[in-house]
């Protein structure tokens, strides 16, 4: 079994996840429920709408934080794969040169 890692694709996905996190932070879902709460003061719907606005805001922030973390983790994975590939390439070059009477 084998697999191929494409660090550039990981970095692209990382950028998309980070972009999504920033975009969702700008979504104002709580505006609608806040308007209901103001329009119906004292009604049961008012307190429920106010609670919903807070819950939505918390959920959006939690999702944005998770998406941002996911993007950072993908970027870190890409860097780690590149570091490993470069290390192996250097070792292989050193072995190849020394085995054939080269500079190593």
PDB file of N, CA and C in Angstrom:
ATOM      1  N   UNK A   1       0.851  -1.175   0.000  1.00  0.00           N
ATOM      2  CA  UNK A   1       0.000   0.000   0.000  1.00  0.00           C
ATOM      3  C   UNK A   1       0.897   1.239   0.000  1.00  0.00           C
ATOM      4  N   UNK A   2       0.542   2.191  -0.798  1.00  0.00           N
ATOM      5  CA  UNK A   2       1.321   3.428  -0.831  1.00  0.00           C
ATOM      6  C   UNK A   2       0.380   4.622  -0.958  1.00  0.00           C
ATOM      7  N   UNK A   3       0.910   5.768  -0.705  1.00  0.00           N
ATOM      8  CA  UNK A   3       0.141   6.996  -0.850  1.00  0.00           C
ATOM      9  C   UNK A   3       1.094   8.117  -1.218  1.00  0.00           C
ATOM     10  N   UNK A   4       0.547   9.150  -1.783  1.00  0.00           N
ATOM     11  CA  UNK A   4       1.336  10.304  -2.186  1.00  0.00           C
ATOM     12  C   UNK A   4       0.836  11.525  -1.456  1.00  0.00           C
ATOM     13  N   UNK A   5       1.757  12.256  -0.902  1.00  0.00           N
ATOM     14  CA  UNK A   5       1.413  13.507  -0.228  1.00  0.00           C
ATOM     15  C   UNK A   5       1.832  14.649  -1.146  1.00  0.00           C
ATOM     16  N   UNK A   6       0.940  15.578  -1.325  1.00  0.00           N
ATOM     17  CA  UNK A   6       1.242  16.757  -2.135  1.00  0.00           C
ATOM     18  C   UNK A   6       1.168  17.985  -1.221  1.00  0.00           C
ATOM     19  N   UNK A   7       2.320  18.392  -0.686  1.00  0.00           N
ATOM     20  CA  UNK A   7       2.329  19.518   0.248  1.00  0.00           C
ATOM     21  C   UNK A   7       1.673  20.785  -0.305  1.00  0.00           C
ATOM     22  N   UNK A   8       1.814  21.014  -1.612  1.00  0.00           N
ATOM     23  CA  UNK A   8       1.177  22.200  -2.184  1.00  0.00           C
ATOM     24  C   UNK A   8      -0.347  22.117  -2.093  1.00  0.00           C
ATOM     25  N   UNK A   9      -0.889  20.911  -2.232  1.00  0.00           N
ATOM     26  CA  UNK A   9      -2.335  20.730  -2.087  1.00  0.00           C
ATOM     27  C   UNK A   9      -2.766  20.893  -0.629  1.00  0.00           C
ATOM     28  N   UNK A  10      -1.917  20.422   0.290  1.00  0.00           N
ATOM     29  CA  UNK A  10      -2.211  20.622   1.713  1.00  0.00           C
ATOM     30  C   UNK A  10      -2.235  22.115   2.042  1.00  0.00           C
ATOM     31  N   UNK A  11      -1.269  22.839   1.503  1.00  0.00           N
ATOM     32  CA  UNK A  11      -1.209  24.285   1.764  1.00  0.00           C
ATOM     33  C   UNK A  11      -2.406  24.999   1.146  1.00  0.00           C
ATOM     34  N   UNK A  12      -2.829  24.558  -0.022  1.00  0.00           N
ATOM     35  CA  UNK A  12      -4.006  25.148  -0.661  1.00  0.00           C
ATOM     36  C   UNK A  12      -5.248  24.915   0.203  1.00  0.00           C
ATOM     37  N   UNK A  13      -5.410  23.687   0.682  1.00  0.00           N
ATOM     38  CA  UNK A  13      -6.539  23.363   1.558  1.00  0.00           C
ATOM     39  C   UNK A  13      -6.460  24.153   2.862  1.00  0.00           C
ATOM     40  N   UNK A  14      -5.248  24.331   3.366  1.00  0.00           N
ATOM     41  CA  UNK A  14      -5.062  25.119   4.592  1.00  0.00           C
ATOM     42  C   UNK A  14      -5.531  26.543   4.382  1.00  0.00           C
ATOM     43  N   UNK A  15      -5.177  27.123   3.242  1.00  0.00           N
ATOM     44  CA  UNK A  15      -5.607  28.480   2.933  1.00  0.00           C
ATOM     45  C   UNK A  15      -7.120  28.585   2.803  1.00  0.00           C
ATOM     46  N   UNK A  16      -7.729  27.577   2.209  1.00  0.00           N
ATOM     47  CA  UNK A  16      -9.189  27.580   2.053  1.00  0.00           C
ATOM     48  C   UNK A  16      -9.890  27.457   3.408  1.00  0.00           C
ATOM     49  N   UNK A  17      -9.357  26.624   4.278  1.00  0.00           N
ATOM     50  CA  UNK A  17      -9.948  26.481   5.611  1.00  0.00           C
ATOM     51  C   UNK A  17      -9.811  27.777   6.403  1.00  0.00           C
ATOM     52  N   UNK A  18      -8.653  28.408   6.313  1.00  0.00           N
ATOM     53  CA  UNK A  18      -8.447  29.668   7.020  1.00  0.00           C
ATOM     54  C   UNK A  18      -9.346  30.760   6.460  1.00  0.00           C
ATOM     55  N   UNK A  19      -9.508  30.779   5.149  1.00  0.00           N
ATOM     56  CA  UNK A  19     -10.389  31.758   4.514  1.00  0.00           C
ATOM     57  C   UNK A  19     -11.841  31.545   4.956  1.00  0.00           C
ATOM     58  N   UNK A  20     -12.256  30.287   4.989  1.00  0.00           N
ATOM     59  CA  UNK A  20     -13.628  29.983   5.437  1.00  0.00           C
ATOM     60  C   UNK A  20     -13.843  30.441   6.868  1.00  0.00           C
ATOM     61  N   UNK A  21     -12.842  30.237   7.716  1.00  0.00           N
ATOM     62  CA  UNK A  21     -12.951  30.663   9.115  1.00  0.00           C
ATOM     63  C   UNK A  21     -13.137  32.171   9.202  1.00  0.00           C
ATOM     64  N   UNK A  22     -12.359  32.919   8.427  1.00  0.00           N
ATOM     65  CA  UNK A  22     -12.479  34.380   8.453  1.00  0.00           C
ATOM     66  C   UNK A  22     -13.823  34.835   7.899  1.00  0.00           C
ATOM     67  N   UNK A  23     -14.272  34.193   6.836  1.00  0.00           N
ATOM     68  CA  UNK A  23     -15.552  34.577   6.236  1.00  0.00           C
ATOM     69  C   UNK A  23     -16.722  34.322   7.175  1.00  0.00           C
ATOM     70  N   UNK A  24     -16.706  33.183   7.843  1.00  0.00           N
ATOM     71  CA  UNK A  24     -17.837  32.849   8.713  1.00  0.00           C
ATOM     72  C   UNK A  24     -17.878  33.756   9.942  1.00  0.00           C
ATOM     73  N   UNK A  25     -16.715  34.250  10.346  1.00  0.00           N
ATOM     74  CA  UNK A  25     -16.711  35.189  11.480  1.00  0.00           C
ATOM     75  C   UNK A  25     -17.472  36.471  11.142  1.00  0.00           C
ATOM     76  N   UNK A  26     -17.553  36.781   9.858  1.00  0.00           N
ATOM     77  CA  UNK A  26     -18.268  37.978   9.438  1.00  0.00           C
ATOM     78  C   UNK A  26     -19.768  37.787   9.269  1.00  0.00           C
ATOM     79  N   UNK A  27     -20.251  36.568   9.415  1.00  0.00           N
ATOM     80  CA  UNK A  27     -21.679  36.290   9.252  1.00  0.00           C
ATOM     81  C   UNK A  27     -22.417  36.744  10.508  1.00  0.00           C
ATOM     82  N   UNK A  28     -23.459  37.507  10.293  1.00  0.00           N
ATOM     83  CA  UNK A  28     -24.225  38.050  11.423  1.00  0.00           C
ATOM     84  C   UNK A  28     -25.563  37.326  11.558  1.00  0.00           C
ATOM     85  N   UNK A  29     -25.525  36.056  11.924  1.00  0.00           N
ATOM     86  CA  UNK A  29     -26.762  35.292  12.107  1.00  0.00           C
ATOM     87  C   UNK A  29     -27.588  35.813  13.268  1.00  0.00           C
ATOM     88  N   UNK A  30     -26.941  36.418  14.218  1.00  0.00           N
ATOM     89  CA  UNK A  30     -27.666  36.838  15.412  1.00  0.00           C
ATOM     90  C   UNK A  30     -28.554  38.050  15.161  1.00  0.00           C
ATOM     91  N   UNK A  31     -28.378  38.733  14.035  1.00  0.00           N
ATOM     92  CA  UNK A  31     -29.163  39.934  13.752  1.00  0.00           C
ATOM     93  C   UNK A  31     -30.660  39.644  13.729  1.00  0.00           C
ATOM     94  N   UNK A  32     -31.062  38.572  13.045  1.00  0.00           N
ATOM     95  CA  UNK A  32     -32.489  38.229  12.963  1.00  0.00           C
ATOM     96  C   UNK A  32     -33.116  37.983  14.327  1.00  0.00           C
ATOM     97  N   UNK A  33     -32.529  37.075  15.124  1.00  0.00           N
ATOM     98  CA  UNK A  33     -33.105  36.839  16.445  1.00  0.00           C
ATOM     99  C   UNK A  33     -33.087  38.088  17.337  1.00  0.00           C
ATOM    100  N   UNK A  34     -32.070  38.924  17.203  1.00  0.00           N
ATOM    101  CA  UNK A  34     -32.030  40.154  18.004  1.00  0.00           C
ATOM    102  C   UNK A  34     -33.180  41.086  17.616  1.00  0.00           C
ATOM    103  N   UNK A  35     -33.514  41.114  16.339  1.00  0.00           N
ATOM    104  CA  UNK A  35     -34.633  41.944  15.894  1.00  0.00           C
ATOM    105  C   UNK A  35     -35.955  41.421  16.451  1.00  0.00           C
ATOM    106  N   UNK A  36     -36.087  40.095  16.512  1.00  0.00           N
ATOM    107  CA  UNK A  36     -37.300  39.501  17.094  1.00  0.00           C
ATOM    108  C   UNK A  36     -37.403  39.890  18.562  1.00  0.00           C
ATOM    109  N   UNK A  37     -36.296  39.804  19.264  1.00  0.00           N
ATOM    110  CA  UNK A  37     -36.297  40.138  20.694  1.00  0.00           C
ATOM    111  C   UNK A  37     -36.701  41.592  20.910  1.00  0.00           C
ATOM    112  N   UNK A  38     -36.236  42.493  20.060  1.00  0.00           N
ATOM    113  CA  UNK A  38     -36.606  43.914  20.194  1.00  0.00           C
ATOM    114  C   UNK A  38     -38.053  44.163  19.777  1.00  0.00           C
ATOM    115  N   UNK A  39     -38.522  43.413  18.758  1.00  0.00           N
ATOM    116  CA  UNK A  39     -39.874  43.625  18.251  1.00  0.00           C
ATOM    117  C   UNK A  39     -40.944  43.100  19.202  1.00  0.00           C
ATOM    118  N   UNK A  40     -40.603  42.101  20.006  1.00  0.00           N
ATOM    119  CA  UNK A  40     -41.576  41.484  20.903  1.00  0.00           C
ATOM    120  C   UNK A  40     -41.096  41.540  22.350  1.00  0.00           C
ATOM    121  N   UNK A  41     -40.855  42.727  22.871  1.00  0.00           N
ATOM    122  CA  UNK A  41     -40.353  42.800  24.251  1.00  0.00           C
ATOM    123  C   UNK A  41     -41.341  42.179  25.234  1.00  0.00           C
ATOM    124  N   UNK A  42     -40.810  41.418  26.132  1.00  0.00           N
ATOM    125  CA  UNK A  42     -41.643  40.808  27.163  1.00  0.00           C
ATOM    126  C   UNK A  42     -42.301  39.512  26.743  1.00  0.00           C
ATOM    127  N   UNK A  43     -42.340  39.207  25.485  1.00  0.00           N
ATOM    128  CA  UNK A  43     -42.967  37.969  25.016  1.00  0.00           C
ATOM    129  C   UNK A  43     -41.998  36.800  25.226  1.00  0.00           C
ATOM    130  N   UNK A  44     -42.545  35.596  25.281  1.00  0.00           N
ATOM    131  CA  UNK A  44     -41.705  34.406  25.437  1.00  0.00           C
ATOM    132  C   UNK A  44     -40.750  34.284  24.256  1.00  0.00           C
ATOM    133  N   UNK A  45     -41.215  34.684  23.084  1.00  0.00           N
ATOM    134  CA  UNK A  45     -40.373  34.618  21.898  1.00  0.00           C
ATOM    135  C   UNK A  45     -39.176  35.546  22.020  1.00  0.00           C
ATOM    136  N   UNK A  46     -39.342  36.623  22.762  1.00  0.00           N
ATOM    137  CA  UNK A  46     -38.262  37.589  22.925  1.00  0.00           C
ATOM    138  C   UNK A  46     -37.066  36.967  23.642  1.00  0.00           C
ATOM    139  N   UNK A  47     -37.319  36.308  24.751  1.00  0.00           N
ATOM    140  CA  UNK A  47     -36.207  35.704  25.493  1.00  0.00           C
ATOM    141  C   UNK A  47     -35.622  34.513  24.736  1.00  0.00           C
ATOM    142  N   UNK A  48     -36.479  33.763  24.052  1.00  0.00           N
ATOM    143  CA  UNK A  48     -35.990  32.632  23.267  1.00  0.00           C
ATOM    144  C   UNK A  48     -35.122  33.123  22.112  1.00  0.00           C
ATOM    145  N   UNK A  49     -35.546  34.205  21.476  1.00  0.00           N
ATOM    146  CA  UNK A  49     -34.773  34.755  20.359  1.00  0.00           C
ATOM    147  C   UNK A  49     -33.431  35.300  20.839  1.00  0.00           C
ATOM    148  N   UNK A  50     -33.437  35.940  21.996  1.00  0.00           N
ATOM    149  CA  UNK A  50     -32.187  36.462  22.551  1.00  0.00           C
ATOM    150  C   UNK A  50     -31.219  35.312  22.865  1.00  0.00           C
ATOM    151  N   UNK A  51     -31.746  34.239  23.409  1.00  0.00           N
ATOM    152  CA  UNK A  51     -30.915  33.069  23.718  1.00  0.00           C
ATOM    153  C   UNK A  51     -30.377  32.439  22.424  1.00  0.00           C
ATOM    154  N   UNK A  52     -31.243  32.365  21.408  1.00  0.00           N
ATOM    155  CA  UNK A  52     -30.831  31.812  20.128  1.00  0.00           C
ATOM    156  C   UNK A  52     -29.711  32.642  19.509  1.00  0.00           C
ATOM    157  N   UNK A  53     -29.826  33.957  19.590  1.00  0.00           N
ATOM    158  CA  UNK A  53     -28.784  34.843  19.049  1.00  0.00           C
ATOM    159  C   UNK A  53     -27.440  34.550  19.710  1.00  0.00           C
ATOM    160  N   UNK A  54     -27.440  34.392  21.005  1.00  0.00           N
ATOM    161  CA  UNK A  54     -26.205  34.080  21.724  1.00  0.00           C
ATOM    162  C   UNK A  54     -25.648  32.713  21.352  1.00  0.00           C
ATOM    163  N   UNK A  55     -26.551  31.738  21.235  1.00  0.00           N
ATOM    164  CA  UNK A  55     -26.125  30.388  20.876  1.00  0.00           C
ATOM    165  C   UNK A  55     -25.522  30.351  19.474  1.00  0.00           C
ATOM    166  N   UNK A  56     -26.188  31.035  18.533  1.00  0.00           N
ATOM    167  CA  UNK A  56     -25.667  31.065  17.171  1.00  0.00           C
ATOM    168  C   UNK A  56     -24.298  31.725  17.134  1.00  0.00           C
ATOM    169  N   UNK A  57     -24.155  32.801  17.857  1.00  0.00           N
ATOM    170  CA  UNK A  57     -22.872  33.499  17.883  1.00  0.00           C
ATOM    171  C   UNK A  57     -21.772  32.574  18.429  1.00  0.00           C
ATOM    172  N   UNK A  58     -22.078  31.850  19.483  1.00  0.00           N
ATOM    173  CA  UNK A  58     -21.101  30.925  20.068  1.00  0.00           C
ATOM    174  C   UNK A  58     -20.763  29.799  19.098  1.00  0.00           C
ATOM    175  N   UNK A  59     -21.767  29.267  18.405  1.00  0.00           N
ATOM    176  CA  UNK A  59     -21.540  28.184  17.449  1.00  0.00           C
ATOM    177  C   UNK A  59     -20.688  28.656  16.271  1.00  0.00           C
ATOM    178  N   UNK A  60     -20.973  29.836  15.782  1.00  0.00           N
ATOM    179  CA  UNK A  60     -20.185  30.381  14.668  1.00  0.00           C
ATOM    180  C   UNK A  60     -18.738  30.549  15.096  1.00  0.00           C
ATOM    181  N   UNK A  61     -18.516  31.096  16.259  1.00  0.00           N
ATOM    182  CA  UNK A  61     -17.153  31.311  16.732  1.00  0.00           C
ATOM    183  C   UNK A  61     -16.434  29.975  16.938  1.00  0.00           C
ATOM    184  N   UNK A  62     -17.135  28.994  17.478  1.00  0.00           N
ATOM    185  CA  UNK A  62     -16.531  27.673  17.686  1.00  0.00           C
ATOM    186  C   UNK A  62     -16.170  27.039  16.345  1.00  0.00           C
ATOM    187  N   UNK A  63     -17.075  27.133  15.359  1.00  0.00           N
ATOM    188  CA  UNK A  63     -16.793  26.567  14.044  1.00  0.00           C
ATOM    189  C   UNK A  63     -15.615  27.287  13.394  1.00  0.00           C
ATOM    190  N   UNK A  64     -15.600  28.613  13.482  1.00  0.00           N
ATOM    191  CA  UNK A  64     -14.519  29.400  12.886  1.00  0.00           C
ATOM    192  C   UNK A  64     -13.176  29.041  13.529  1.00  0.00           C
ATOM    193  N   UNK A  65     -13.166  28.884  14.824  1.00  0.00           N
ATOM    194  CA  UNK A  65     -11.933  28.515  15.528  1.00  0.00           C
ATOM    195  C   UNK A  65     -11.467  27.123  15.082  1.00  0.00           C
ATOM    196  N   UNK A  66     -12.400  26.180  14.967  1.00  0.00           N
ATOM    197  CA  UNK A  66     -12.048  24.820  14.539  1.00  0.00           C
ATOM    198  C   UNK A  66     -11.537  24.823  13.096  1.00  0.00           C
ATOM    199  N   UNK A  67     -12.181  25.579  12.221  1.00  0.00           N
ATOM    200  CA  UNK A  67     -11.728  25.648  10.828  1.00  0.00           C
ATOM    201  C   UNK A  67     -10.359  26.310  10.740  1.00  0.00           C
ATOM    202  N   UNK A  68     -10.133  27.338  11.524  1.00  0.00           N
ATOM    203  CA  UNK A  68      -8.827  27.991  11.556  1.00  0.00           C
ATOM    204  C   UNK A  68      -7.742  27.059  12.065  1.00  0.00           C
ATOM    205  N   UNK A  69      -8.054  26.309  13.113  1.00  0.00           N
ATOM    206  CA  UNK A  69      -7.095  25.325  13.646  1.00  0.00           C
ATOM    207  C   UNK A  69      -6.801  24.239  12.611  1.00  0.00           C
ATOM    208  N   UNK A  70      -7.837  23.805  11.911  1.00  0.00           N
ATOM    209  CA  UNK A  70      -7.675  22.790  10.864  1.00  0.00           C
ATOM    210  C   UNK A  70      -6.726  23.307   9.783  1.00  0.00           C
ATOM    211  N   UNK A  71      -6.916  24.554   9.378  1.00  0.00           N
ATOM    212  CA  UNK A  71      -6.032  25.153   8.383  1.00  0.00           C
ATOM    213  C   UNK A  71      -4.591  25.213   8.859  1.00  0.00           C
ATOM    214  N   UNK A  72      -4.397  25.606  10.105  1.00  0.00           N
ATOM    215  CA  UNK A  72      -3.036  25.662  10.661  1.00  0.00           C
ATOM    216  C   UNK A  72      -2.407  24.273  10.729  1.00  0.00           C
ATOM    217  N   UNK A  73      -3.203  23.280  11.081  1.00  0.00           N
ATOM    218  CA  UNK A  73      -2.687  21.910  11.159  1.00  0.00           C
ATOM    219  C   UNK A  73      -2.319  21.370   9.779  1.00  0.00           C
ATOM    220  N   UNK A  74      -3.135  21.672   8.773  1.00  0.00           N
ATOM    221  CA  UNK A  74      -2.795  21.250   7.413  1.00  0.00           C
ATOM    222  C   UNK A  74      -1.491  21.897   6.959  1.00  0.00           C
ATOM    223  N   UNK A  75      -1.327  23.162   7.259  1.00  0.00           N
ATOM    224  CA  UNK A  75      -0.109  23.868   6.882  1.00  0.00           C
ATOM    225  C   UNK A  75       1.110  23.266   7.594  1.00  0.00           C
ATOM    226  N   UNK A  76       0.949  22.948   8.867  1.00  0.00           N
ATOM    227  CA  UNK A  76       2.041  22.324   9.627  1.00  0.00           C
ATOM    228  C   UNK A  76       2.383  20.948   9.058  1.00  0.00           C
ATOM    229  N   UNK A  77       1.371  20.192   8.643  1.00  0.00           N
ATOM    230  CA  UNK A  77       1.620  18.880   8.030  1.00  0.00           C
ATOM    231  C   UNK A  77       2.399  19.033   6.732  1.00  0.00           C
ATOM    232  N   UNK A  78       2.017  20.005   5.916  1.00  0.00           N
ATOM    233  CA  UNK A  78       2.731  20.241   4.657  1.00  0.00           C
ATOM    234  C   UNK A  78       4.192  20.556   4.938  1.00  0.00           C
ATOM    235  N   UNK A  79       4.446  21.408   5.907  1.00  0.00           N
ATOM    236  CA  UNK A  79       5.824  21.766   6.253  1.00  0.00           C
ATOM    237  C   UNK A  79       6.592  20.547   6.744  1.00  0.00           C
ATOM    238  N   UNK A  80       5.952  19.707   7.529  1.00  0.00           N
ATOM    239  CA  UNK A  80       6.614  18.508   8.058  1.00  0.00           C
ATOM    240  C   UNK A  80       6.940  17.527   6.936  1.00  0.00           C
ATOM    241  N   UNK A  81       6.002  17.340   6.002  1.00  0.00           N
ATOM    242  CA  UNK A  81       6.273  16.440   4.878  1.00  0.00           C
ATOM    243  C   UNK A  81       7.430  16.962   4.036  1.00  0.00           C
ATOM    244  N   UNK A  82       7.448  18.261   3.780  1.00  0.00           N
ATOM    245  CA  UNK A  82       8.546  18.845   3.003  1.00  0.00           C
ATOM    246  C   UNK A  82       9.881  18.682   3.723  1.00  0.00           C
ATOM    247  N   UNK A  83       9.870  18.900   5.011  1.00  0.00           N
ATOM    248  CA  UNK A  83      11.096  18.745   5.805  1.00  0.00           C
ATOM    249  C   UNK A  83      11.602  17.311   5.709  1.00  0.00           C
ATOM    250  N   UNK A  84      10.701  16.350   5.848  1.00  0.00           N
ATOM    251  CA  UNK A  84      11.072  14.941   5.746  1.00  0.00           C
ATOM    252  C   UNK A  84      11.587  14.588   4.363  1.00  0.00           C
ATOM    253  N   UNK A  85      10.896  15.072   3.323  1.00  0.00           N
ATOM    254  CA  UNK A  85      11.336  14.799   1.956  1.00  0.00           C
ATOM    255  C   UNK A  85      12.715  15.386   1.702  1.00  0.00           C
ATOM    256  N   UNK A  86      12.939  16.602   2.141  1.00  0.00           N
ATOM    257  CA  UNK A  86      14.232  17.248   1.929  1.00  0.00           C
ATOM    258  C   UNK A  86      15.338  16.513   2.686  1.00  0.00           C
ATOM    259  N   UNK A  87      15.051  16.053   3.880  1.00  0.00           N
ATOM    260  CA  UNK A  87      16.034  15.324   4.679  1.00  0.00           C
ATOM    261  C   UNK A  87      16.419  14.019   3.993  1.00  0.00           C
ATOM    262  N   UNK A  88      15.429  13.290   3.519  1.00  0.00           N
ATOM    263  CA  UNK A  88      15.691  12.022   2.835  1.00  0.00           C
ATOM    264  C   UNK A  88      16.467  12.274   1.547  1.00  0.00           C
ATOM    265  N   UNK A  89      16.110  13.320   0.823  1.00  0.00           N
ATOM    266  CA  UNK A  89      16.816  13.642  -0.419  1.00  0.00           C
ATOM    267  C   UNK A  89      18.287  13.951  -0.143  1.00  0.00           C
ATOM    268  N   UNK A  90      18.553  14.682   0.926  1.00  0.00           N
ATOM    269  CA  UNK A  90      19.937  14.999   1.278  1.00  0.00           C
ATOM    270  C   UNK A  90      20.709  13.731   1.650  1.00  0.00           C
ATOM    271  N   UNK A  91      20.076  12.857   2.410  1.00  0.00           N
ATOM    272  CA  UNK A  91      20.733  11.611   2.801  1.00  0.00           C
ATOM    273  C   UNK A  91      21.000  10.734   1.584  1.00  0.00           C
ATOM    274  N   UNK A  92      20.042  10.659   0.695  1.00  0.00           N
ATOM    275  CA  UNK A  92      20.200   9.839  -0.504  1.00  0.00           C
ATOM    276  C   UNK A  92      21.334  10.388  -1.372  1.00  0.00           C
ATOM    277  N   UNK A  93      21.391  11.690  -1.515  1.00  0.00           N
ATOM    278  CA  UNK A  93      22.464  12.307  -2.303  1.00  0.00           C
ATOM    279  C   UNK A  93      23.821  12.001  -1.686  1.00  0.00           C
ATOM    280  N   UNK A  94      23.917  12.094  -0.379  1.00  0.00           N
ATOM    281  CA  UNK A  94      25.185  11.802   0.307  1.00  0.00           C
ATOM    282  C   UNK A  94      25.590  10.337   0.112  1.00  0.00           C
ATOM    283  N   UNK A  95      24.653   9.426   0.195  1.00  0.00           N
ATOM    284  CA  UNK A  95      24.937   8.005   0.012  1.00  0.00           C
ATOM    285  C   UNK A  95      25.371   7.747  -1.425  1.00  0.00           C
ATOM    286  N   UNK A  96      24.643   8.315  -2.350  1.00  0.00           N
ATOM    287  CA  UNK A  96      24.936   8.107  -3.771  1.00  0.00           C
ATOM    288  C   UNK A  96      26.332   8.644  -4.119  1.00  0.00           C
ATOM    289  N   UNK A  97      26.652   9.804  -3.618  1.00  0.00           N
ATOM    290  CA  UNK A  97      27.971  10.385  -3.920  1.00  0.00           C
ATOM    291  C   UNK A  97      29.102   9.570  -3.310  1.00  0.00           C
ATOM    292  N   UNK A  98      28.932   9.147  -2.066  1.00  0.00           N
ATOM    293  CA  UNK A  98      30.003   8.393  -1.415  1.00  0.00           C
ATOM    294  C   UNK A  98      30.129   6.997  -2.008  1.00  0.00           C
ATOM    295  N   UNK A  99      29.033   6.382  -2.408  1.00  0.00           N
ATOM    296  CA  UNK A  99      29.064   5.029  -2.948  1.00  0.00           C
ATOM    297  C   UNK A  99      29.760   4.983  -4.305  1.00  0.00           C
ATOM    298  N   UNK A 100      29.712   6.067  -5.018  1.00  0.00           N
ATOM    299  CA  UNK A 100      30.308   6.083  -6.350  1.00  0.00           C
ATOM    300  C   UNK A 100      31.576   6.932  -6.407  1.00  0.00           C
ATOM    301  N   UNK A 101      32.227   7.099  -5.256  1.00  0.00           N
ATOM    302  CA  UNK A 101      33.498   7.791  -5.217  1.00  0.00           C
ATOM    303  C   UNK A 101      33.402   9.290  -5.403  1.00  0.00           C
ATOM    304  N   UNK A 102      32.244   9.810  -5.108  1.00  0.00           N
ATOM    305  CA  UNK A 102      32.053  11.254  -5.302  1.00  0.00           C
ATOM    306  C   UNK A 102      32.557  12.049  -4.112  1.00  0.00           C
ATOM    307  N   UNK A 103      31.920  13.154  -3.893  1.00  0.00           N
ATOM    308  CA  UNK A 103      32.353  14.099  -2.857  1.00  0.00           C
ATOM    309  C   UNK A 103      32.063  13.631  -1.449  1.00  0.00           C
ATOM    310  N   UNK A 104      31.121  12.730  -1.245  1.00  0.00           N
ATOM    311  CA  UNK A 104      30.700  12.339   0.086  1.00  0.00           C
ATOM    312  C   UNK A 104      31.679  11.497   0.737  1.00  0.00           C
TER     313      UNK A 104
END
